[in-house]
Protein backbone atom coordinates (compact mmCIF):
# COMPACT_ATOMS: atom_id res chain seq x y z
CA UNK A 1 -30.98 32.84 6.87
CA UNK A 2 -34.43 32.76 5.37
CA UNK A 3 -35.80 35.14 3.36
CA UNK A 4 -38.09 37.85 3.27
CA UNK A 5 -41.55 37.62 4.20
CA UNK A 6 -44.53 37.89 1.64
CA UNK A 7 -41.37 38.33 -1.30
CA UNK A 8 -41.10 36.07 -3.79
CA UNK A 9 -38.88 33.96 -4.36
CA UNK A 10 -37.84 31.89 -7.71
CA UNK A 11 -39.09 28.58 -7.99
CA UNK A 12 -37.24 26.04 -8.17
CA UNK A 13 -37.37 22.40 -10.25
CA UNK A 14 -34.07 21.04 -8.53
CA UNK A 15 -34.66 18.79 -5.22
CA UNK A 16 -31.10 18.28 -3.32
CA UNK A 17 -30.81 14.72 -3.46
CA UNK A 18 -29.09 14.75 0.39
CA UNK A 19 -31.40 17.47 2.24
CA UNK A 20 -35.06 16.68 3.33
CA UNK A 21 -38.23 17.82 1.79
CA UNK A 22 -40.87 19.50 4.24
CA UNK A 23 -44.34 19.71 3.14
CA UNK A 24 -47.43 22.03 4.55
CA UNK A 25 -50.58 21.21 4.38
CA UNK A 26 -52.80 23.09 5.59
CA UNK A 27 -56.72 22.08 6.21
CA UNK A 28 -58.90 24.47 7.35
CA UNK A 29 -61.93 22.81 9.69
CA UNK A 30 -65.08 22.50 7.25
CA UNK A 31 -62.75 21.87 3.86
CA UNK A 32 -63.92 18.35 2.49
CA UNK A 33 -60.83 17.62 2.17
CA UNK A 34 -59.68 17.76 5.97
CA UNK A 35 -63.12 15.90 6.55
CA UNK A 36 -61.57 13.37 3.85
CA UNK A 37 -57.94 13.08 4.87
CA UNK A 38 -59.23 12.81 9.14
CA UNK A 39 -61.14 9.58 8.01
CA UNK A 40 -58.32 8.25 6.37
CA UNK A 41 -55.85 8.52 9.40
CA UNK A 42 -58.61 6.32 11.87
CA UNK A 43 -59.15 4.02 8.84
CA UNK A 44 -56.25 3.68 8.32
CA UNK A 45 -54.51 3.30 11.96
CA UNK A 46 -51.43 5.54 10.08
CA UNK A 47 -50.23 9.27 10.77
CA UNK A 48 -51.90 11.90 8.52
CA UNK A 49 -48.42 12.14 6.97
CA UNK A 50 -48.08 8.03 5.99
CA UNK A 51 -51.71 8.42 4.40
CA UNK A 52 -50.77 11.36 2.51
CA UNK A 53 -47.27 9.49 1.38
CA UNK A 54 -50.41 7.04 0.15
CA UNK A 55 -52.14 9.00 -1.23
CA UNK A 56 -48.53 10.52 -3.35
CA UNK A 57 -48.11 7.32 -3.96
CA UNK A 58 -51.52 6.95 -5.56
CA UNK A 59 -50.96 9.76 -7.89
CA UNK A 60 -47.94 9.08 -9.00
CA UNK A 61 -48.93 5.56 -10.35
CA UNK A 62 -51.87 7.43 -12.66
CA UNK A 63 -50.34 10.63 -13.34
CA UNK A 64 -46.60 10.32 -13.79
CA UNK A 65 -45.43 9.43 -17.49
CA UNK A 66 -44.34 5.54 -17.94
CA UNK A 67 -45.21 4.65 -14.41
CA UNK A 68 -42.21 4.29 -13.00
CA UNK A 69 -42.94 4.23 -9.34
CA UNK A 70 -41.71 1.04 -8.13
CA UNK A 71 -38.51 1.85 -9.66
CA UNK A 72 -37.82 5.57 -8.20
CA UNK A 73 -39.41 3.85 -4.52
CA UNK A 74 -36.66 0.70 -4.81
CA UNK A 75 -34.16 3.79 -5.66
CA UNK A 76 -35.11 5.54 -2.43
CA UNK A 77 -34.63 2.63 0.32
């Protein structure tokens, strides 16, 4: 059952390993990031979801301590 709308829920850092994670990103018309997103979808010739996956990988490589991106990708497959 979904929680009440507009009611704050406690934040959790635990992600169940056996469940999918769905990230919703709203990009408003005229927003610069939306134009970048649309351009990347066309340039890369992939879905918007794939563009966001690639962006997450790149960001993780830049920001994550110990740069464990390759290890995490191998474990996930």
